[in-house]
């Protein structure tokens, strides 16, 4: 499970960096989205990859990570998902306005020849 999650985080991070370096604005926005997914998965994995363990401290059990799942990374990821969705929507609105004004979605403003 840990190896699969590490591979997924690596693929999302690598694809996100590759897309951020592309010349078109939409690809940059998608790259930033993939990078945010990679960071969210990383933060989520920091809390522990435990199955069937509640994120609450049970009376009578020691308060260590062997008996419960840390809820803080889950709350941080949930907040990051909401903020990431809002900023992606804002980027797409700005992208559409920029494309309407300039006629292209290239970062450098050059006209598309195709």
Protein backbone atom coordinates (compact mmCIF):
# COMPACT_ATOMS: atom_id res chain seq x y z
CA UNK A 1 0.00 0.00 0.00
CA UNK A 2 2.77 2.45 0.88
CA UNK A 3 4.68 1.72 -2.32
CA UNK A 4 1.57 2.22 -4.46
CA UNK A 5 0.78 5.50 -2.73
CA UNK A 6 4.37 6.69 -3.14
CA UNK A 7 4.24 5.86 -6.86
CA UNK A 8 0.94 7.70 -7.31
CA UNK A 9 2.31 10.77 -5.49
CA UNK A 10 5.44 10.64 -7.66
CA UNK A 11 3.47 10.33 -10.90
CA UNK A 12 1.12 13.18 -9.94
CA UNK A 13 4.06 15.35 -8.90
CA UNK A 14 6.09 14.58 -12.03
CA UNK A 15 3.15 15.10 -14.38
CA UNK A 16 2.27 18.32 -12.56
CA UNK A 17 5.78 19.74 -12.90
CA UNK A 18 5.88 18.72 -16.57
CA UNK A 19 2.55 20.45 -17.24
CA UNK A 20 3.54 23.59 -15.33
CA UNK A 21 6.53 23.96 -17.67
CA UNK A 22 4.33 23.81 -20.81
CA UNK A 23 3.71 27.01 -22.83
CA UNK A 24 -0.11 26.98 -22.73
CA UNK A 25 -2.01 28.46 -19.82
CA UNK A 26 -4.57 25.64 -19.55
CA UNK A 27 -1.77 23.09 -19.23
CA UNK A 28 -0.20 25.19 -16.48
CA UNK A 29 -3.51 25.25 -14.58
CA UNK A 30 -3.87 21.47 -14.94
CA UNK A 31 -0.26 21.06 -13.76
CA UNK A 32 -0.95 23.12 -10.66
CA UNK A 33 -4.04 20.99 -10.01
CA UNK A 34 -2.02 17.76 -10.28
CA UNK A 35 0.64 19.20 -7.97
CA UNK A 36 -2.04 20.06 -5.42
CA UNK A 37 -3.37 16.48 -5.65
CA UNK A 38 0.14 15.15 -5.03
CA UNK A 39 0.62 17.39 -2.01
CA UNK A 40 -2.83 16.46 -0.65
CA UNK A 41 -2.05 12.75 -0.94
CA UNK A 42 1.30 13.31 0.76
CA UNK A 43 -0.29 15.19 3.66
CA UNK A 44 -3.00 12.54 3.93
CA UNK A 45 -0.38 9.77 4.06
CA UNK A 46 1.49 11.56 6.86
CA UNK A 47 -1.48 10.86 9.14
CA UNK A 48 -0.96 7.12 8.76
CA UNK A 49 -2.32 4.47 6.46
CA UNK A 50 -4.42 2.54 8.93
CA UNK A 51 -7.65 0.72 8.15
CA UNK A 52 -10.62 0.54 10.53
CA UNK A 53 -9.15 2.80 13.21
CA UNK A 54 -11.29 5.72 14.35
CA UNK A 55 -9.90 9.28 14.49
CA UNK A 56 -11.03 9.55 18.13
CA UNK A 57 -9.24 8.80 21.37
CA UNK A 58 -11.04 5.95 23.17
CA UNK A 59 -11.09 6.02 26.97
CA UNK A 60 -8.90 3.32 28.47
CA UNK A 61 -6.50 3.08 25.52
CA UNK A 62 -3.15 4.86 25.33
CA UNK A 63 -3.14 8.01 23.19
CA UNK A 64 -0.56 6.89 20.66
CA UNK A 65 -0.82 6.39 16.91
CA UNK A 66 -1.20 2.62 17.25
CA UNK A 67 -4.75 2.97 18.59
CA UNK A 68 -6.21 5.81 16.55
CA UNK A 69 -5.74 7.73 13.31
CA UNK A 70 -4.62 11.36 13.52
CA UNK A 71 -7.52 13.54 12.28
CA UNK A 72 -5.43 16.68 11.66
CA UNK A 73 -4.05 15.65 8.22
CA UNK A 74 -7.57 14.67 7.15
CA UNK A 75 -8.88 18.11 8.13
CA UNK A 76 -5.96 19.85 6.39
CA UNK A 77 -6.53 17.89 3.17
CA UNK A 78 -10.26 18.60 3.22
CA UNK A 79 -9.54 22.32 3.59
CA UNK A 80 -6.90 22.17 0.84
CA UNK A 81 -9.35 20.46 -1.53
CA UNK A 82 -11.92 23.23 -1.05
CA UNK A 83 -9.36 26.01 -1.46
CA UNK A 84 -7.79 24.25 -4.47
CA UNK A 85 -11.17 23.91 -6.17
CA UNK A 86 -11.90 27.61 -5.64
CA UNK A 87 -8.52 28.76 -6.96
CA UNK A 88 -8.76 26.42 -9.97
CA UNK A 89 -12.17 27.90 -10.80
CA UNK A 90 -10.70 31.40 -10.47
CA UNK A 91 -7.73 30.48 -12.71
CA UNK A 92 -10.09 29.10 -15.36
CA UNK A 93 -12.22 32.27 -15.33
CA UNK A 94 -9.09 34.40 -15.70
CA UNK A 95 -7.89 32.05 -18.47
CA UNK A 96 -11.16 32.45 -20.38
CA UNK A 97 -11.07 36.23 -19.99
CA UNK A 98 -7.42 36.36 -21.12
CA UNK A 99 -8.16 34.17 -24.12
CA UNK A 100 -11.10 36.37 -25.04
CA UNK A 101 -8.98 39.52 -24.86
CA UNK A 102 -5.82 38.23 -26.53
CA UNK A 103 -7.16 35.48 -28.78
CA UNK A 104 -4.61 32.92 -27.58
CA UNK A 105 -3.80 30.89 -24.49
CA UNK A 106 -0.02 30.96 -24.84
CA UNK A 107 1.83 32.21 -21.80
CA UNK A 108 4.09 34.49 -23.81
CA UNK A 109 1.15 35.94 -25.76
CA UNK A 110 2.34 34.69 -29.17
CA UNK A 111 -0.38 33.90 -31.69
CA UNK A 112 -1.17 30.27 -32.37
CA UNK A 113 -0.16 29.37 -35.93
CA UNK A 114 -2.22 26.16 -36.17
